[in-house]
């Protein structure tokens, strides 16, 4: 995310494909977020820098430093 967080897309936005709902699983410092924060990018919610949240880039699944157990069970 443009705020430095790591998230995963959990729902598409059919009208605005570049503004899905995202579950933030890691904060900008790399710490796990529990409970996870859900951000609907179409709502214009702002990041810490004051700009609306957006997806900065996609990452390969194998390069993501957390797994499903971390996301769903907080392990």
PDB file of N, CA and C in Angstrom:
ATOM      1  N   UNK A   1       0.848  -1.155   0.000  1.00  0.00           N
ATOM      2  CA  UNK A   1       0.000   0.000   0.000  1.00  0.00           C
ATOM      3  C   UNK A   1       0.909   1.239   0.000  1.00  0.00           C
ATOM      4  N   UNK A   2       0.372   2.369  -0.399  1.00  0.00           N
ATOM      5  CA  UNK A   2       1.186   3.575  -0.449  1.00  0.00           C
ATOM      6  C   UNK A   2       1.581   4.084   0.938  1.00  0.00           C
ATOM      7  N   UNK A   3       0.924   3.607   1.986  1.00  0.00           N
ATOM      8  CA  UNK A   3       1.297   3.976   3.341  1.00  0.00           C
ATOM      9  C   UNK A   3       2.368   3.071   3.920  1.00  0.00           C
ATOM     10  N   UNK A   4       2.819   2.081   3.152  1.00  0.00           N
ATOM     11  CA  UNK A   4       3.849   1.156   3.593  1.00  0.00           C
ATOM     12  C   UNK A   4       3.318  -0.152   4.146  1.00  0.00           C
ATOM     13  N   UNK A   5       2.002  -0.258   4.305  1.00  0.00           N
ATOM     14  CA  UNK A   5       1.398  -1.473   4.836  1.00  0.00           C
ATOM     15  C   UNK A   5       1.395  -2.581   3.794  1.00  0.00           C
ATOM     16  N   UNK A   6       1.223  -3.806   4.275  1.00  0.00           N
ATOM     17  CA  UNK A   6       1.083  -4.966   3.403  1.00  0.00           C
ATOM     18  C   UNK A   6      -0.342  -5.468   3.559  1.00  0.00           C
ATOM     19  N   UNK A   7      -1.009  -5.688   2.456  1.00  0.00           N
ATOM     20  CA  UNK A   7      -2.391  -6.150   2.513  1.00  0.00           C
ATOM     21  C   UNK A   7      -2.690  -7.134   1.410  1.00  0.00           C
ATOM     22  N   UNK A   8      -3.875  -7.714   1.494  1.00  0.00           N
ATOM     23  CA  UNK A   8      -4.330  -8.641   0.470  1.00  0.00           C
ATOM     24  C   UNK A   8      -5.732  -8.240   0.041  1.00  0.00           C
ATOM     25  N   UNK A   9      -5.987  -8.317  -1.257  1.00  0.00           N
ATOM     26  CA  UNK A   9      -7.308  -7.978  -1.787  1.00  0.00           C
ATOM     27  C   UNK A   9      -8.286  -9.066  -1.353  1.00  0.00           C
ATOM     28  N   UNK A  10      -9.394  -8.652  -0.743  1.00  0.00           N
ATOM     29  CA  UNK A  10     -10.390  -9.621  -0.283  1.00  0.00           C
ATOM     30  C   UNK A  10     -11.697  -9.517  -1.047  1.00  0.00           C
ATOM     31  N   UNK A  11     -11.911  -8.410  -1.785  1.00  0.00           N
ATOM     32  CA  UNK A  11     -13.141  -8.264  -2.566  1.00  0.00           C
ATOM     33  C   UNK A  11     -12.904  -7.291  -3.707  1.00  0.00           C
ATOM     34  N   UNK A  12     -13.456  -7.619  -4.849  1.00  0.00           N
ATOM     35  CA  UNK A  12     -13.355  -6.744  -6.008  1.00  0.00           C
ATOM     36  C   UNK A  12     -14.404  -5.645  -5.929  1.00  0.00           C
ATOM     37  N   UNK A  13     -14.153  -4.594  -6.653  1.00  0.00           N
ATOM     38  CA  UNK A  13     -15.123  -3.526  -6.838  1.00  0.00           C
ATOM     39  C   UNK A  13     -15.449  -3.536  -8.326  1.00  0.00           C
ATOM     40  N   UNK A  14     -16.591  -4.040  -8.688  1.00  0.00           N
ATOM     41  CA  UNK A  14     -16.922  -4.212 -10.112  1.00  0.00           C
ATOM     42  C   UNK A  14     -16.952  -2.902 -10.877  1.00  0.00           C
ATOM     43  N   UNK A  15     -17.341  -1.829 -10.227  1.00  0.00           N
ATOM     44  CA  UNK A  15     -17.406  -0.526 -10.888  1.00  0.00           C
ATOM     45  C   UNK A  15     -16.068   0.173 -10.980  1.00  0.00           C
ATOM     46  N   UNK A  16     -15.201  -0.092 -10.006  1.00  0.00           N
ATOM     47  CA  UNK A  16     -13.877   0.544  -9.950  1.00  0.00           C
ATOM     48  C   UNK A  16     -12.847  -0.529  -9.614  1.00  0.00           C
ATOM     49  N   UNK A  17     -12.368  -1.198 -10.608  1.00  0.00           N
ATOM     50  CA  UNK A  17     -11.492  -2.353 -10.414  1.00  0.00           C
ATOM     51  C   UNK A  17     -10.183  -2.024  -9.692  1.00  0.00           C
ATOM     52  N   UNK A  18      -9.744  -0.774  -9.755  1.00  0.00           N
ATOM     53  CA  UNK A  18      -8.498  -0.398  -9.083  1.00  0.00           C
ATOM     54  C   UNK A  18      -8.734   0.026  -7.638  1.00  0.00           C
ATOM     55  N   UNK A  19      -9.979  -0.129  -7.157  1.00  0.00           N
ATOM     56  CA  UNK A  19     -10.302   0.254  -5.791  1.00  0.00           C
ATOM     57  C   UNK A  19     -11.044  -0.877  -5.065  1.00  0.00           C
ATOM     58  N   UNK A  20     -10.384  -2.002  -4.858  1.00  0.00           N
ATOM     59  CA  UNK A  20     -11.012  -3.131  -4.165  1.00  0.00           C
ATOM     60  C   UNK A  20     -11.022  -2.925  -2.649  1.00  0.00           C
ATOM     61  N   UNK A  21     -11.561  -3.901  -1.941  1.00  0.00           N
ATOM     62  CA  UNK A  21     -11.430  -3.932  -0.478  1.00  0.00           C
ATOM     63  C   UNK A  21     -10.168  -4.719  -0.158  1.00  0.00           C
ATOM     64  N   UNK A  22      -9.396  -4.204   0.777  1.00  0.00           N
ATOM     65  CA  UNK A  22      -8.095  -4.777   1.119  1.00  0.00           C
ATOM     66  C   UNK A  22      -8.047  -5.048   2.620  1.00  0.00           C
ATOM     67  N   UNK A  23      -7.514  -6.210   2.991  1.00  0.00           N
ATOM     68  CA  UNK A  23      -7.272  -6.510   4.393  1.00  0.00           C
ATOM     69  C   UNK A  23      -5.798  -6.224   4.672  1.00  0.00           C
ATOM     70  N   UNK A  24      -5.533  -5.272   5.555  1.00  0.00           N
ATOM     71  CA  UNK A  24      -4.165  -4.924   5.934  1.00  0.00           C
ATOM     72  C   UNK A  24      -3.707  -5.932   6.980  1.00  0.00           C
ATOM     73  N   UNK A  25      -2.598  -6.605   6.687  1.00  0.00           N
ATOM     74  CA  UNK A  25      -2.098  -7.651   7.580  1.00  0.00           C
ATOM     75  C   UNK A  25      -0.759  -7.307   8.227  1.00  0.00           C
ATOM     76  N   UNK A  26      -0.111  -6.250   7.724  1.00  0.00           N
ATOM     77  CA  UNK A  26       1.172  -5.834   8.271  1.00  0.00           C
ATOM     78  C   UNK A  26       1.237  -4.313   8.216  1.00  0.00           C
ATOM     79  N   UNK A  27       1.660  -3.675   9.297  1.00  0.00           N
ATOM     80  CA  UNK A  27       1.758  -2.220   9.289  1.00  0.00           C
ATOM     81  C   UNK A  27       3.027  -1.776   8.561  1.00  0.00           C
ATOM     82  N   UNK A  28       3.214  -0.469   8.472  1.00  0.00           N
ATOM     83  CA  UNK A  28       4.356   0.076   7.730  1.00  0.00           C
ATOM     84  C   UNK A  28       5.692  -0.314   8.331  1.00  0.00           C
ATOM     85  N   UNK A  29       5.716  -0.637   9.615  1.00  0.00           N
ATOM     86  CA  UNK A  29       6.959  -1.046  10.287  1.00  0.00           C
ATOM     87  C   UNK A  29       7.215  -2.544  10.138  1.00  0.00           C
ATOM     88  N   UNK A  30       6.280  -3.274   9.509  1.00  0.00           N
ATOM     89  CA  UNK A  30       6.449  -4.708   9.313  1.00  0.00           C
ATOM     90  C   UNK A  30       5.845  -5.560  10.411  1.00  0.00           C
ATOM     91  N   UNK A  31       5.114  -4.942  11.319  1.00  0.00           N
ATOM     92  CA  UNK A  31       4.485  -5.676  12.420  1.00  0.00           C
ATOM     93  C   UNK A  31       3.114  -6.208  12.008  1.00  0.00           C
ATOM     94  N   UNK A  32       2.752  -7.394  12.464  1.00  0.00           N
ATOM     95  CA  UNK A  32       1.426  -7.930  12.148  1.00  0.00           C
ATOM     96  C   UNK A  32       0.328  -7.032  12.717  1.00  0.00           C
ATOM     97  N   UNK A  33      -0.760  -6.911  11.984  1.00  0.00           N
ATOM     98  CA  UNK A  33      -1.909  -6.130  12.431  1.00  0.00           C
ATOM     99  C   UNK A  33      -2.970  -7.108  12.916  1.00  0.00           C
ATOM    100  N   UNK A  34      -3.298  -7.057  14.218  1.00  0.00           N
ATOM    101  CA  UNK A  34      -4.318  -7.935  14.803  1.00  0.00           C
ATOM    102  C   UNK A  34      -5.247  -7.103  15.654  1.00  0.00           C
ATOM    103  N   UNK A  35      -6.518  -7.058  15.433  1.00  0.00           N
ATOM    104  CA  UNK A  35      -7.169  -7.702  14.306  1.00  0.00           C
ATOM    105  C   UNK A  35      -6.835  -6.946  13.022  1.00  0.00           C
ATOM    106  N   UNK A  36      -6.941  -7.641  11.925  1.00  0.00           N
ATOM    107  CA  UNK A  36      -6.620  -7.038  10.642  1.00  0.00           C
ATOM    108  C   UNK A  36      -7.590  -5.890  10.354  1.00  0.00           C
ATOM    109  N   UNK A  37      -7.091  -4.902   9.625  1.00  0.00           N
ATOM    110  CA  UNK A  37      -7.886  -3.735   9.267  1.00  0.00           C
ATOM    111  C   UNK A  37      -8.383  -3.916   7.836  1.00  0.00           C
ATOM    112  N   UNK A  38      -9.667  -3.654   7.603  1.00  0.00           N
ATOM    113  CA  UNK A  38     -10.245  -3.730   6.262  1.00  0.00           C
ATOM    114  C   UNK A  38     -10.379  -2.311   5.729  1.00  0.00           C
ATOM    115  N   UNK A  39      -9.857  -2.081   4.532  1.00  0.00           N
ATOM    116  CA  UNK A  39      -9.937  -0.766   3.899  1.00  0.00           C
ATOM    117  C   UNK A  39     -10.646  -0.916   2.556  1.00  0.00           C
ATOM    118  N   UNK A  40     -11.706  -0.160   2.366  1.00  0.00           N
ATOM    119  CA  UNK A  40     -12.399  -0.097   1.079  1.00  0.00           C
ATOM    120  C   UNK A  40     -11.793   1.084   0.333  1.00  0.00           C
ATOM    121  N   UNK A  41     -10.973   0.798  -0.667  1.00  0.00           N
ATOM    122  CA  UNK A  41     -10.249   1.850  -1.368  1.00  0.00           C
ATOM    123  C   UNK A  41     -11.170   2.835  -2.083  1.00  0.00           C
ATOM    124  N   UNK A  42     -12.397   2.447  -2.361  1.00  0.00           N
ATOM    125  CA  UNK A  42     -13.333   3.349  -3.038  1.00  0.00           C
ATOM    126  C   UNK A  42     -13.881   4.422  -2.092  1.00  0.00           C
ATOM    127  N   UNK A  43     -13.637   4.292  -0.795  1.00  0.00           N
ATOM    128  CA  UNK A  43     -14.161   5.247   0.190  1.00  0.00           C
ATOM    129  C   UNK A  43     -13.246   6.452   0.414  1.00  0.00           C
ATOM    130  N   UNK A  44     -12.057   6.446  -0.183  1.00  0.00           N
ATOM    131  CA  UNK A  44     -11.152   7.582  -0.057  1.00  0.00           C
ATOM    132  C   UNK A  44     -10.497   7.719   1.310  1.00  0.00           C
ATOM    133  N   UNK A  45     -10.389   6.625   2.048  1.00  0.00           N
ATOM    134  CA  UNK A  45      -9.735   6.646   3.362  1.00  0.00           C
ATOM    135  C   UNK A  45      -8.267   7.014   3.156  1.00  0.00           C
ATOM    136  N   UNK A  46      -7.750   7.876   4.021  1.00  0.00           N
ATOM    137  CA  UNK A  46      -6.393   8.368   3.810  1.00  0.00           C
ATOM    138  C   UNK A  46      -5.353   7.614   4.636  1.00  0.00           C
ATOM    139  N   UNK A  47      -4.168   7.530   4.058  1.00  0.00           N
ATOM    140  CA  UNK A  47      -3.010   6.924   4.723  1.00  0.00           C
ATOM    141  C   UNK A  47      -2.399   7.965   5.659  1.00  0.00           C
ATOM    142  N   UNK A  48      -1.354   7.589   6.370  1.00  0.00           N
ATOM    143  CA  UNK A  48      -0.721   8.502   7.326  1.00  0.00           C
ATOM    144  C   UNK A  48      -0.142   9.755   6.673  1.00  0.00           C
ATOM    145  N   UNK A  49       0.148   9.684   5.370  1.00  0.00           N
ATOM    146  CA  UNK A  49       0.686  10.859   4.680  1.00  0.00           C
ATOM    147  C   UNK A  49      -0.412  11.805   4.187  1.00  0.00           C
ATOM    148  N   UNK A  50      -1.672  11.473   4.456  1.00  0.00           N
ATOM    149  CA  UNK A  50      -2.780  12.333   4.058  1.00  0.00           C
ATOM    150  C   UNK A  50      -3.350  12.037   2.682  1.00  0.00           C
ATOM    151  N   UNK A  51      -2.694  11.178   1.918  1.00  0.00           N
ATOM    152  CA  UNK A  51      -3.186  10.804   0.590  1.00  0.00           C
ATOM    153  C   UNK A  51      -4.104   9.593   0.706  1.00  0.00           C
ATOM    154  N   UNK A  52      -5.082   9.479  -0.195  1.00  0.00           N
ATOM    155  CA  UNK A  52      -5.963   8.300  -0.161  1.00  0.00           C
ATOM    156  C   UNK A  52      -5.153   7.018  -0.344  1.00  0.00           C
ATOM    157  N   UNK A  53      -5.548   5.977   0.401  1.00  0.00           N
ATOM    158  CA  UNK A  53      -4.893   4.687   0.241  1.00  0.00           C
ATOM    159  C   UNK A  53      -5.019   4.210  -1.199  1.00  0.00           C
ATOM    160  N   UNK A  54      -3.964   3.559  -1.673  1.00  0.00           N
ATOM    161  CA  UNK A  54      -3.982   2.910  -2.975  1.00  0.00           C
ATOM    162  C   UNK A  54      -2.986   1.767  -2.942  1.00  0.00           C
ATOM    163  N   UNK A  55      -3.139   0.876  -3.887  1.00  0.00           N
ATOM    164  CA  UNK A  55      -2.195  -0.237  -3.999  1.00  0.00           C
ATOM    165  C   UNK A  55      -0.966   0.288  -4.715  1.00  0.00           C
ATOM    166  N   UNK A  56       0.152   0.181  -4.065  1.00  0.00           N
ATOM    167  CA  UNK A  56       1.405   0.686  -4.635  1.00  0.00           C
ATOM    168  C   UNK A  56       1.973  -0.289  -5.653  1.00  0.00           C
ATOM    169  N   UNK A  57       1.981  -1.573  -5.282  1.00  0.00           N
ATOM    170  CA  UNK A  57       2.482  -2.599  -6.203  1.00  0.00           C
ATOM    171  C   UNK A  57       2.006  -3.960  -5.740  1.00  0.00           C
ATOM    172  N   UNK A  58       2.039  -4.890  -6.653  1.00  0.00           N
ATOM    173  CA  UNK A  58       1.698  -6.277  -6.333  1.00  0.00           C
ATOM    174  C   UNK A  58       2.991  -7.015  -6.012  1.00  0.00           C
ATOM    175  N   UNK A  59       2.881  -8.017  -5.148  1.00  0.00           N
ATOM    176  CA  UNK A  59       4.048  -8.822  -4.802  1.00  0.00           C
ATOM    177  C   UNK A  59       3.764 -10.277  -5.128  1.00  0.00           C
ATOM    178  N   UNK A  60       4.811 -10.984  -5.494  1.00  0.00           N
ATOM    179  CA  UNK A  60       4.683 -12.420  -5.723  1.00  0.00           C
ATOM    180  C   UNK A  60       4.316 -13.097  -4.417  1.00  0.00           C
ATOM    181  N   UNK A  61       3.420 -14.062  -4.495  1.00  0.00           N
ATOM    182  CA  UNK A  61       2.973 -14.764  -3.294  1.00  0.00           C
ATOM    183  C   UNK A  61       4.153 -15.335  -2.517  1.00  0.00           C
ATOM    184  N   UNK A  62       5.130 -15.884  -3.236  1.00  0.00           N
ATOM    185  CA  UNK A  62       6.279 -16.501  -2.562  1.00  0.00           C
ATOM    186  C   UNK A  62       7.169 -15.477  -1.857  1.00  0.00           C
ATOM    187  N   UNK A  63       7.012 -14.196  -2.157  1.00  0.00           N
ATOM    188  CA  UNK A  63       7.834 -13.146  -1.551  1.00  0.00           C
ATOM    189  C   UNK A  63       7.158 -12.484  -0.352  1.00  0.00           C
ATOM    190  N   UNK A  64       5.922 -12.871  -0.055  1.00  0.00           N
ATOM    191  CA  UNK A  64       5.196 -12.272   1.054  1.00  0.00           C
ATOM    192  C   UNK A  64       5.687 -12.904   2.352  1.00  0.00           C
ATOM    193  N   UNK A  65       6.078 -12.078   3.325  1.00  0.00           N
ATOM    194  CA  UNK A  65       6.711 -12.602   4.539  1.00  0.00           C
ATOM    195  C   UNK A  65       5.761 -13.180   5.587  1.00  0.00           C
ATOM    196  N   UNK A  66       4.483 -13.311   5.279  1.00  0.00           N
ATOM    197  CA  UNK A  66       3.534 -13.888   6.232  1.00  0.00           C
ATOM    198  C   UNK A  66       2.714 -14.956   5.537  1.00  0.00           C
ATOM    199  N   UNK A  67       2.150 -15.851   6.308  1.00  0.00           N
ATOM    200  CA  UNK A  67       1.359 -16.936   5.741  1.00  0.00           C
ATOM    201  C   UNK A  67      -0.090 -16.874   6.191  1.00  0.00           C
ATOM    202  N   UNK A  68      -0.860 -17.807   5.708  1.00  0.00           N
ATOM    203  CA  UNK A  68      -2.284 -17.864   6.028  1.00  0.00           C
ATOM    204  C   UNK A  68      -2.519 -18.022   7.529  1.00  0.00           C
ATOM    205  N   UNK A  69      -1.680 -18.776   8.203  1.00  0.00           N
ATOM    206  CA  UNK A  69      -1.837 -18.947   9.650  1.00  0.00           C
ATOM    207  C   UNK A  69      -1.715 -17.607  10.370  1.00  0.00           C
ATOM    208  N   UNK A  70      -0.807 -16.767   9.914  1.00  0.00           N
ATOM    209  CA  UNK A  70      -0.635 -15.434  10.518  1.00  0.00           C
ATOM    210  C   UNK A  70      -1.883 -14.577  10.314  1.00  0.00           C
ATOM    211  N   UNK A  71      -2.428 -14.637   9.116  1.00  0.00           N
ATOM    212  CA  UNK A  71      -3.574 -13.794   8.767  1.00  0.00           C
ATOM    213  C   UNK A  71      -4.833 -14.239   9.501  1.00  0.00           C
ATOM    214  N   UNK A  72      -5.115 -15.531   9.451  1.00  0.00           N
ATOM    215  CA  UNK A  72      -6.389 -15.999   9.967  1.00  0.00           C
ATOM    216  C   UNK A  72      -6.384 -16.409  11.429  1.00  0.00           C
ATOM    217  N   UNK A  73      -5.216 -16.749  11.966  1.00  0.00           N
ATOM    218  CA  UNK A  73      -5.182 -17.236  13.340  1.00  0.00           C
ATOM    219  C   UNK A  73      -4.247 -16.452  14.243  1.00  0.00           C
ATOM    220  N   UNK A  74      -3.537 -15.483  13.695  1.00  0.00           N
ATOM    221  CA  UNK A  74      -2.650 -14.669  14.515  1.00  0.00           C
ATOM    222  C   UNK A  74      -1.493 -15.418  15.132  1.00  0.00           C
ATOM    223  N   UNK A  75      -1.056 -16.474  14.434  1.00  0.00           N
ATOM    224  CA  UNK A  75       0.045 -17.303  14.941  1.00  0.00           C
ATOM    225  C   UNK A  75       1.360 -16.567  14.807  1.00  0.00           C
TER     226      UNK A  75
END
